C-alpha atoms as a PDB file:
ATOM      1  CA  MET A   1       0.000   0.000   0.000  1.00  0.00           C
ATOM      2  CA  PRO A   2       2.818   2.558   0.519  1.00  0.00           C
ATOM      3  CA  LEU A   3       3.443   2.262  -3.244  1.00  0.00           C
ATOM      4  CA  ASP A   4      -0.172   3.175  -3.993  1.00  0.00           C
ATOM      5  CA  PHE A   5      -0.040   6.057  -1.530  1.00  0.00           C
ATOM      6  CA  GLN A   6       3.106   7.456  -3.164  1.00  0.00           C
ATOM      7  CA  LEU A   7       1.284   7.281  -6.495  1.00  0.00           C
ATOM      8  CA  VAL A   8      -1.604   9.259  -4.970  1.00  0.00           C
ATOM      9  CA  LEU A   9       0.845  11.964  -3.850  1.00  0.00           C
ATOM     10  CA  LEU A  10       2.447  12.003  -7.290  1.00  0.00           C
ATOM     11  CA  ARG A  11      -0.934  12.293  -9.031  1.00  0.00           C
ATOM     12  CA  ARG A  12      -1.599  15.640  -7.367  1.00  0.00           C
ATOM     13  CA  MET A  13       1.971  16.814  -8.100  1.00  0.00           C
ATOM     14  CA  ALA A  14       1.656  15.937 -11.798  1.00  0.00           C
ATOM     15  CA  ASP A  15      -0.275  19.163 -12.427  1.00  0.00           C
ATOM     16  CA  HIS A  16       2.890  21.171 -11.677  1.00  0.00           C
ATOM     17  CA  ASN A  17       5.814  18.893 -12.582  1.00  0.00           C
ATOM     18  CA  PRO A  18       4.780  16.161 -15.010  1.00  0.00           C
ATOM     19  CA  ASP A  19       8.393  15.308 -15.950  1.00  0.00           C
ATOM     20  CA  LEU A  20       9.496  14.864 -12.316  1.00  0.00           C
ATOM     21  CA  VAL A  21       6.389  12.806 -11.632  1.00  0.00           C
ATOM     22  CA  ASP A  22       6.993  10.592 -14.677  1.00  0.00           C
ATOM     23  CA  ASP A  23      10.580   9.953 -13.551  1.00  0.00           C
ATOM     24  CA  ALA A  24       9.428   9.172  -9.992  1.00  0.00           C
ATOM     25  CA  ARG A  25       6.632   6.915 -11.225  1.00  0.00           C
ATOM     26  CA  ARG A  26       9.100   4.946 -13.359  1.00  0.00           C
ATOM     27  CA  GLN A  27      11.465   4.723 -10.367  1.00  0.00           C
ATOM     28  CA  LEU A  28       8.606   3.072  -8.478  1.00  0.00           C
ATOM     29  CA  GLY A  29       8.030   0.673 -11.383  1.00  0.00           C
ATOM     30  CA  ALA A  30       4.498   1.989 -11.928  1.00  0.00           C
ATOM     31  CA  SER A  31       2.693   2.892 -15.118  1.00  0.00           C
ATOM     32  CA  LEU A  32       0.523   5.916 -15.741  1.00  0.00           C
ATOM     33  CA  THR A  33      -2.474   3.582 -15.487  1.00  0.00           C
ATOM     34  CA  ASP A  34      -1.212   2.321 -12.098  1.00  0.00           C
ATOM     35  CA  MET A  35      -1.049   5.933 -10.869  1.00  0.00           C
ATOM     36  CA  ARG A  36      -4.551   6.726 -12.107  1.00  0.00           C
ATOM     37  CA  GLU A  37      -5.969   3.535 -10.568  1.00  0.00           C
ATOM     38  CA  ALA A  38      -4.279   4.180  -7.204  1.00  0.00           C
ATOM     39  CA  ASN A  39      -5.719   7.688  -7.169  1.00  0.00           C
ATOM     40  CA  LYS A  40      -9.152   6.356  -8.149  1.00  0.00           C
ATOM     41  CA  ARG A  41      -9.084   3.877  -5.222  1.00  0.00           C
ATOM     42  CA  TRP A  42      -7.948   6.640  -2.838  1.00  0.00           C
ATOM     43  CA  GLN A  43     -10.741   8.967  -3.948  1.00  0.00           C
ATOM     44  CA  ALA A  44     -13.302   6.153  -3.602  1.00  0.00           C
ATOM     45  CA  MET A  45     -12.033   5.491  -0.070  1.00  0.00           C
ATOM     46  CA  LEU A  46     -12.408   9.197   0.799  1.00  0.00           C
ATOM     47  CA  ARG A  47     -15.935   9.419  -0.588  1.00  0.00           C
ATOM     48  CA  SER A  48     -17.279   6.094   0.601  1.00  0.00           C
ATOM     49  CA  PRO A  49     -20.393   6.300   2.791  1.00  0.00           C
ATOM     50  CA  ARG A  50     -18.506   4.050   5.214  1.00  0.00           C
ATOM     51  CA  ALA A  51     -15.289   6.072   5.006  1.00  0.00           C
ATOM     52  CA  ARG A  52     -12.921   5.650   7.916  1.00  0.00           C
ATOM     53  CA  ALA A  53     -11.805   8.621   9.965  1.00  0.00           C
ATOM     54  CA  ALA A  54      -8.702  10.200   8.407  1.00  0.00           C
ATOM     55  CA  ALA A  55      -6.326   8.948  11.121  1.00  0.00           C
ATOM     56  CA  SER A  56      -7.438   5.319  10.795  1.00  0.00           C
ATOM     57  CA  ARG A  57      -7.415   5.614   6.996  1.00  0.00           C
ATOM     58  CA  TYR A  58      -3.702   6.504   7.048  1.00  0.00           C
ATOM     59  CA  ARG A  59      -2.952   3.649   9.456  1.00  0.00           C
ATOM     60  CA  SER A  60      -4.810   1.196   7.211  1.00  0.00           C
ATOM     61  CA  VAL A  61      -2.916   2.362   4.112  1.00  0.00           C
ATOM     62  CA  LEU A  62       0.552   3.004   5.587  1.00  0.00           C
ATOM     63  CA  GLY A  63       0.594   0.758   8.648  1.00  0.00           C
ATOM     64  CA  ALA A  64       1.796   1.863  12.065  1.00  0.00           C
ATOM     65  CA  PRO A  65       3.752   5.143  11.999  1.00  0.00           C
ATOM     66  CA  GLU A  66       7.533   4.852  12.093  1.00  0.00           C
ATOM     67  CA  THR A  67       7.643   7.711  14.606  1.00  0.00           C
ATOM     68  CA  VAL A  68       5.104   9.325  16.900  1.00  0.00           C
ATOM     69  CA  LEU A  69       6.033  12.747  18.287  1.00  0.00           C
ATOM     70  CA  THR A  70       4.332  15.305  20.475  1.00  0.00           C
ATOM     71  CA  ARG A  71       4.102  18.741  18.860  1.00  0.00           C
ATOM     72  CA  LYS A  72       3.021  21.910  20.580  1.00  0.00           C
ATOM     73  CA  VAL A  73       0.539  23.960  18.543  1.00  0.00           C
ATOM     74  CA  GLY A  74      -0.208  27.067  20.546  1.00  0.00           C
ATOM     75  CA  ASP A  75      -1.303  25.765  23.956  1.00  0.00           C
ATOM     76  CA  LEU A  76      -2.238  22.314  22.664  1.00  0.00           C
ATOM     77  CA  ASP A  77      -0.172  19.156  22.703  1.00  0.00           C
ATOM     78  CA  CYS A  78      -0.759  17.384  19.408  1.00  0.00           C
ATOM     79  CA  GLU A  79       0.471  14.066  18.133  1.00  0.00           C
ATOM     80  CA  ALA A  80       2.456  13.831  14.882  1.00  0.00           C
ATOM     81  CA  TRP A  81       2.560  10.475  13.103  1.00  0.00           C
ATOM     82  CA  LEU A  82       5.395  10.062  10.595  1.00  0.00           C
ATOM     83  CA  TRP A  83       5.879   7.435   7.882  1.00  0.00           C
ATOM     84  CA  PRO A  84       8.854   6.931   5.552  1.00  0.00           C
ATOM     85  CA  LEU A  85       8.219   6.864   1.820  1.00  0.00           C
ATOM     86  CA  PRO A  86      10.923   5.273  -0.351  1.00  0.00           C
ATOM     87  CA  LEU A  87      10.541   7.913  -3.059  1.00  0.00           C
ATOM     88  CA  TRP A  88      11.640  10.671  -0.672  1.00  0.00           C
ATOM     89  CA  PRO A  89      14.080   9.065   1.818  1.00  0.00           C
ATOM     90  CA  ASP A  90      14.881  12.346   3.634  1.00  0.00           C
ATOM     91  CA  LEU A  91      11.212  13.201   4.092  1.00  0.00           C
ATOM     92  CA  ARG A  92       8.367  11.714   6.094  1.00  0.00           C
ATOM     93  CA  PHE A  93       4.651  11.834   5.497  1.00  0.00           C
ATOM     94  CA  GLU A  94       3.246  13.519   8.591  1.00  0.00           C
ATOM     95  CA  VAL A  95      -0.291  13.423   9.917  1.00  0.00           C
ATOM     96  CA  LEU A  96      -0.851  15.955  12.705  1.00  0.00           C
ATOM     97  CA  LEU A  97      -3.619  14.959  15.112  1.00  0.00           C
ATOM     98  CA  ALA A  98      -5.570  17.317  17.317  1.00  0.00           C
ATOM     99  CA  PRO A  99      -6.049  16.355  20.969  1.00  0.00           C
ATOM    100  CA  ASN A 100      -9.487  14.923  20.064  1.00  0.00           C
ATOM    101  CA  GLY A 101      -7.892  12.619  17.436  1.00  0.00           C
ATOM    102  CA  GLY A 102      -9.021  14.604  14.402  1.00  0.00           C
ATOM    103  CA  VAL A 103      -6.508  15.166  11.605  1.00  0.00           C
ATOM    104  CA  TRP A 104      -5.396  18.787  11.384  1.00  0.00           C
ATOM    105  CA  ASN A 105      -2.773  18.474   8.700  1.00  0.00           C
ATOM    106  CA  GLU A 106      -1.230  15.926   6.356  1.00  0.00           C
ATOM    107  CA  TRP A 107       1.926  16.630   4.368  1.00  0.00           C
ATOM    108  CA  LEU A 108       5.570  15.861   3.715  1.00  0.00           C
ATOM    109  CA  VAL A 109       8.112  17.115   6.266  1.00  0.00           C
ATOM    110  CA  ARG A 110      11.857  16.650   6.708  1.00  0.00           C
ATOM    111  CA  ALA A 111      12.707  13.405   8.510  1.00  0.00           C
ATOM    112  CA  PRO A 112      13.907  13.818  12.099  1.00  0.00           C
ATOM    113  CA  GLY A 113      17.689  14.140  12.024  1.00  0.00           C
ATOM    114  CA  ALA A 114      17.891  14.597   8.223  1.00  0.00           C
ATOM    115  CA  ALA A 115      19.754  17.661   7.013  1.00  0.00           C
ATOM    116  CA  GLY A 116      17.512  20.157   5.291  1.00  0.00           C
ATOM    117  CA  PRO A 117      18.460  22.127   2.207  1.00  0.00           C
ATOM    118  CA  THR A 118      20.429  25.360   2.266  1.00  0.00           C
ATOM    119  CA  LEU A 119      17.974  27.994   1.088  1.00  0.00           C
ATOM    120  CA  ARG A 120      19.525  31.416   0.526  1.00  0.00           C
ATOM    121  CA  THR A 121      18.416  32.626  -2.910  1.00  0.00           C
ATOM    122  CA  LEU A 122      15.630  32.201  -5.432  1.00  0.00           C
ATOM    123  CA  GLU A 123      17.848  29.788  -7.355  1.00  0.00           C
ATOM    124  CA  ASP A 124      17.797  27.417  -4.356  1.00  0.00           C
ATOM    125  CA  LEU A 125      14.020  27.063  -4.669  1.00  0.00           C
ATOM    126  CA  THR A 126      13.812  24.262  -7.214  1.00  0.00           C
ATOM    127  CA  PRO A 127      10.948  21.759  -7.490  1.00  0.00           C
ATOM    128  CA  TRP A 128      10.935  19.165  -4.695  1.00  0.00           C
ATOM    129  CA  SER A 129      13.901  20.854  -2.961  1.00  0.00           C
ATOM    130  CA  CYS A 130      12.167  21.873   0.265  1.00  0.00           C
ATOM    131  CA  THR A 131       9.064  21.716   2.417  1.00  0.00           C
ATOM    132  CA  VAL A 132       6.675  24.501   3.352  1.00  0.00           C
ATOM    133  CA  ASP A 133       8.167  25.005   6.809  1.00  0.00           C
ATOM    134  CA  GLU A 134      11.755  25.033   5.466  1.00  0.00           C
ATOM    135  CA  ALA A 135      10.943  27.769   2.936  1.00  0.00           C
ATOM    136  CA  ALA A 136       8.971  29.756   5.526  1.00  0.00           C
ATOM    137  CA  ARG A 137      11.911  29.673   7.967  1.00  0.00           C
ATOM    138  CA  ALA A 138      14.544  30.460   5.320  1.00  0.00           C
ATOM    139  CA  PHE A 139      12.691  33.447   3.907  1.00  0.00           C
ATOM    140  CA  ALA A 140      10.913  34.777   6.998  1.00  0.00           C
ATOM    141  CA  PRO A 141       8.664  36.553   7.282  1.00  0.00           C
ATOM    142  CA  ALA A 142       6.573  34.492   4.890  1.00  0.00           C
ATOM    143  CA  ARG A 143       2.844  34.938   4.478  1.00  0.00           C
ATOM    144  CA  PRO A 144       0.731  31.790   3.965  1.00  0.00           C
ATOM    145  CA  LEU A 145      -1.491  31.749   0.893  1.00  0.00           C
ATOM    146  CA  GLU A 146      -4.603  29.699   0.276  1.00  0.00           C
ATOM    147  CA  GLY A 147      -3.965  26.792  -2.068  1.00  0.00           C
ATOM    148  CA  THR A 148      -5.943  25.875  -5.156  1.00  0.00           C
ATOM    149  CA  ALA A 149      -6.883  22.438  -3.764  1.00  0.00           C
ATOM    150  CA  PRO A 150      -7.045  20.775  -0.327  1.00  0.00           C
ATOM    151  CA  THR A 151      -3.484  19.394  -0.543  1.00  0.00           C
ATOM    152  CA  ARG A 152      -1.938  22.621  -1.830  1.00  0.00           C
ATOM    153  CA  TRP A 153      -0.409  25.546   0.028  1.00  0.00           C
ATOM    154  CA  GLY A 154       1.350  28.730  -0.946  1.00  0.00           C
ATOM    155  CA  LEU A 155       3.793  31.177   0.585  1.00  0.00           C
ATOM    156  CA  ALA A 156       4.532  34.782  -0.293  1.00  0.00           C
ATOM    157  CA  PHE A 157       7.909  36.183   0.757  1.00  0.00           C
ATOM    158  CA  THR A 158      10.906  38.177  -0.383  1.00  0.00           C
ATOM    159  CA  ALA A 159      14.066  36.357  -1.459  1.00  0.00           C
ATOM    160  CA  PRO A 160      17.289  37.570  -3.047  1.00  0.00           C
ATOM    161  CA  ASP A 161      18.472  36.422  -6.436  1.00  0.00           C
ATOM    162  CA  GLY A 162      22.048  35.225  -6.981  1.00  0.00           C
ATOM    163  CA  ASP A 163      23.248  38.846  -7.097  1.00  0.00           C
ATOM    164  CA  GLY A 164      21.578  39.683  -3.786  1.00  0.00           C
ATOM    165  CA  VAL A 165      18.720  41.705  -5.325  1.00  0.00           C
ATOM    166  CA  PRO A 166      15.507  41.068  -3.355  1.00  0.00           C
ATOM    167  CA  HIS A 167      12.373  39.951  -5.213  1.00  0.00           C
ATOM    168  CA  ALA A 168       8.790  39.375  -4.136  1.00  0.00           C
ATOM    169  CA  CYS A 169       8.171  35.659  -4.620  1.00  0.00           C
ATOM    170  CA  THR A 170       5.328  33.177  -4.455  1.00  0.00           C
ATOM    171  CA  ALA A 171       5.990  29.486  -3.855  1.00  0.00           C
ATOM    172  CA  GLU A 172       3.453  26.713  -4.445  1.00  0.00           C
ATOM    173  CA  PHE A 173       3.503  23.442  -2.517  1.00  0.00           C
ATOM    174  CA  THR A 174       1.643  20.162  -2.983  1.00  0.00           C
ATOM    175  CA  TRP A 175       1.469  17.796  -0.002  1.00  0.00           C
ATOM    176  CA  GLY A 176       3.971  20.190   1.641  1.00  0.00           C
ATOM    177  CA  LEU A 177       6.665  19.794  -1.039  1.00  0.00           C
ATOM    178  CA  LEU A 178       7.770  22.734  -3.224  1.00  0.00           C
ATOM    179  CA  GLN A 179       6.416  22.479  -6.771  1.00  0.00           C
ATOM    180  CA  ARG A 180       7.286  25.866  -8.240  1.00  0.00           C
ATOM    181  CA  ARG A 181       8.125  29.424  -7.405  1.00  0.00           C
ATOM    182  CA  THR A 182       7.377  32.585  -9.307  1.00  0.00           C
ATOM    183  CA  VAL A 183       8.788  36.059  -9.008  1.00  0.00           C
ATOM    184  CA  ARG A 184       6.041  38.649  -8.773  1.00  0.00           C
END
């Protein structure tokens, strides 16, 4: 099932980076039809009248989390479940659970202990190079932007080019992973 789940993630990313997705899909040994079918099964699971709660859905698809951490969100102690995905060895798929067990967020994050990218200039912001939180920290202050779909996020910030000239920039993320950036 982790293979199918990776294909679901890739399906949403294909809108922005079809070439990267095709390479990743081939690396997984999956066809375009395999990716479409995995996404179709995922969507059916989400829309089923007997759909499982989001947290149990992830456990049924990915198994027990590799890591369970406590994260502070404001005054609340939340639980973060993390799973490895072979396609992105330095990342983990994270599901953030509210104290009542509801899923607050689901996205790719840097694996605990893995070195993150060095983000200094616009040129460092290449597709799949960083996560939302890494870009937000590197180019603070960053303003969150509403995404175009439930698994998409955006950030607006200022970043220098290679010559040190600052530019207003927008970055788009799918499942928490950078897809593209544009200079405004």
